[in-house]
Each structure stands twice: as structure tokens, then as C-alpha cells.
C-alpha atoms as a PDB file:
ATOM      1  CA  MET A   1     105.041  56.331 116.145  1.00  0.00           C
ATOM      2  CA  VAL A   2     102.183  58.241 117.744  1.00  0.00           C
ATOM      3  CA  SER A   3      98.679  56.951 117.140  1.00  0.00           C
ATOM      4  CA  LYS A   4      96.003  59.574 116.768  1.00  0.00           C
ATOM      5  CA  LYS A   5      92.532  59.193 118.181  1.00  0.00           C
ATOM      6  CA  PRO A   6      89.606  59.822 115.898  1.00  0.00           C
ATOM      7  CA  LEU A   7      88.183  63.325 116.260  1.00  0.00           C
ATOM      8  CA  THR A   8      85.003  62.103 117.941  1.00  0.00           C
ATOM      9  CA  GLU A   9      86.925  60.394 120.742  1.00  0.00           C
ATOM     10  CA  GLU A  10      88.972  63.540 121.353  1.00  0.00           C
ATOM     11  CA  LYS A  11      85.834  65.648 121.682  1.00  0.00           C
ATOM     12  CA  VAL A  12      84.313  63.236 124.183  1.00  0.00           C
ATOM     13  CA  ALA A  13      87.523  63.068 126.222  1.00  0.00           C
ATOM     14  CA  ASP A  14      88.026  66.853 126.255  1.00  0.00           C
ATOM     15  CA  ASN A  15      84.404  67.850 126.899  1.00  0.00           C
ATOM     16  CA  PRO A  16      82.695  65.796 129.587  1.00  0.00           C
ATOM     17  CA  ALA A  17      78.924  65.676 129.354  1.00  0.00           C
ATOM     18  CA  PRO A  18      77.360  68.730 130.988  1.00  0.00           C
ATOM     19  CA  ARG A  19      75.052  68.159 133.923  1.00  0.00           C
ATOM     20  CA  VAL A  20      71.492  68.180 132.683  1.00  0.00           C
ATOM     21  CA  ARG A  21      69.139  70.503 134.502  1.00  0.00           C
ATOM     22  CA  SER A  22      66.332  68.999 136.472  1.00  0.00           C
ATOM     23  CA  CYS A  23      62.622  68.920 135.807  1.00  0.00           C
ATOM     24  CA  ARG A  24      61.046  72.360 135.981  1.00  0.00           C
ATOM     25  CA  ARG A  25      63.138  75.303 134.828  1.00  0.00           C
ATOM     26  CA  ASN A  26      60.633  78.136 134.979  1.00  0.00           C
ATOM     27  CA  LYS A  27      58.769  78.046 138.248  1.00  0.00           C
ATOM     28  CA  SER A  28      56.817  81.256 138.428  1.00  0.00           C
ATOM     29  CA  GLU A  29      54.644  82.126 141.386  1.00  0.00           C
ATOM     30  CA  ASN A  30      52.356  84.391 139.410  1.00  0.00           C
ATOM     31  CA  GLY A  31      50.130  83.160 136.620  1.00  0.00           C
ATOM     32  CA  SER A  32      46.991  81.133 136.322  1.00  0.00           C
ATOM     33  CA  PHE A  33      46.756  77.379 136.675  1.00  0.00           C
ATOM     34  CA  VAL A  34      46.242  76.987 132.938  1.00  0.00           C
ATOM     35  CA  SER A  35      49.287  79.099 132.030  1.00  0.00           C
ATOM     36  CA  LYS A  36      51.483  77.128 134.459  1.00  0.00           C
ATOM     37  CA  LEU A  37      50.144  73.867 133.047  1.00  0.00           C
ATOM     38  CA  ARG A  38      50.788  75.054 129.481  1.00  0.00           C
ATOM     39  CA  ASP A  39      54.367  76.092 130.353  1.00  0.00           C
ATOM     40  CA  HIS A  40      55.036  72.775 132.081  1.00  0.00           C
ATOM     41  CA  PHE A  41      53.647  70.840 129.104  1.00  0.00           C
ATOM     42  CA  HIS A  42      55.818  72.780 126.630  1.00  0.00           C
ATOM     43  CA  GLU A  43      58.927  72.208 128.764  1.00  0.00           C
ATOM     44  CA  PHE A  44      58.095  68.506 128.926  1.00  0.00           C
ATOM     45  CA  ILE A  45      57.615  67.960 125.204  1.00  0.00           C
ATOM     46  CA  HIS A  46      60.698  69.992 124.267  1.00  0.00           C
ATOM     47  CA  ALA A  47      63.025  68.325 126.792  1.00  0.00           C
ATOM     48  CA  SER A  48      65.715  65.943 125.589  1.00  0.00           C
ATOM     49  CA  MET A  49      65.828  62.300 126.621  1.00  0.00           C
ATOM     50  CA  ASP A  50      68.758  63.066 128.941  1.00  0.00           C
ATOM     51  CA  GLU A  51      66.661  65.701 130.721  1.00  0.00           C
ATOM     52  CA  HIS A  52      63.822  63.193 131.155  1.00  0.00           C
ATOM     53  CA  LYS A  53      66.218  60.563 132.524  1.00  0.00           C
ATOM     54  CA  THR A  54      67.772  63.016 134.978  1.00  0.00           C
ATOM     55  CA  CYS A  55      64.399  64.253 136.175  1.00  0.00           C
ATOM     56  CA  PHE A  56      63.112  60.703 136.612  1.00  0.00           C
ATOM     57  CA  ARG A  57      66.247  59.629 138.504  1.00  0.00           C
ATOM     58  CA  ASP A  58      66.101  62.694 140.779  1.00  0.00           C
ATOM     59  CA  THR A  59      62.394  62.151 141.480  1.00  0.00           C
ATOM     60  CA  ILE A  60      62.929  58.501 142.413  1.00  0.00           C
ATOM     61  CA  GLN A  61      65.873  59.483 144.630  1.00  0.00           C
ATOM     62  CA  LYS A  62      63.697  62.058 146.425  1.00  0.00           C
ATOM     63  CA  LEU A  63      61.030  59.397 146.997  1.00  0.00           C
ATOM     64  CA  PHE A  64      63.554  56.991 148.513  1.00  0.00           C
ATOM     65  CA  ASN A  65      65.021  59.731 150.701  1.00  0.00           C
ATOM     66  CA  SER A  66      61.613  60.791 152.000  1.00  0.00           C
ATOM     67  CA  SER A  67      60.523  57.192 152.632  1.00  0.00           C
ATOM     68  CA  SER A  68      63.713  56.498 154.580  1.00  0.00           C
ATOM     69  CA  LYS A  69      62.981  59.515 156.782  1.00  0.00           C
ATOM     70  CA  ILE A  70      59.434  58.303 157.418  1.00  0.00           C
ATOM     71  CA  PHE A  71      60.223  54.626 158.021  1.00  0.00           C
ATOM     72  CA  GLY A  72      63.702  55.092 159.482  1.00  0.00           C
ATOM     73  CA  LYS A  73      65.349  52.778 156.972  1.00  0.00           C
ATOM     74  CA  LYS A  74      68.158  53.590 154.600  1.00  0.00           C
ATOM     75  CA  GLY A  75      67.234  53.000 150.947  1.00  0.00           C
ATOM     76  CA  ASP A  76      69.923  51.247 148.914  1.00  0.00           C
END
């Protein structure tokens, strides 16, 4: 007898979680300081929790990588 998985488990198994994009999506060189700040604020408040987690993790990783280059130590 074959046991069937619930539909939710099948969806999770078939579709792995997509990689969440990092912090800033729209980096434009032109535009005033206020318009860039407004765009960044709107991206921040409309981002999902997964996007915030990914951005935070990537930022911390960049800090550890840059500190290891400066101090010559490998961050674990």
C-alpha cells in the first residue's frame, strides 16, 4: 500500500525555496538624495521577513570578510 504525502509536503519537496534577493534592488545613479532615500525606504518597508534576514546575513558576512582582510584573521 502506497502512502500519500499531504499536498503541502509535496509542494515543499518539489519547489525548493527561491533565493531571496539582497538588500537594494533599484540602485540608480541619477536622482536626488531625497528620491533615493524615499525609494530605499519604500523597498525596506515592503520587503518580506526573508528578504530582511538575507540582507542582514549578507551584511554581517561582508563585515566579517572585510575585517579578516584588515586584521589578517579568518572569521569563523
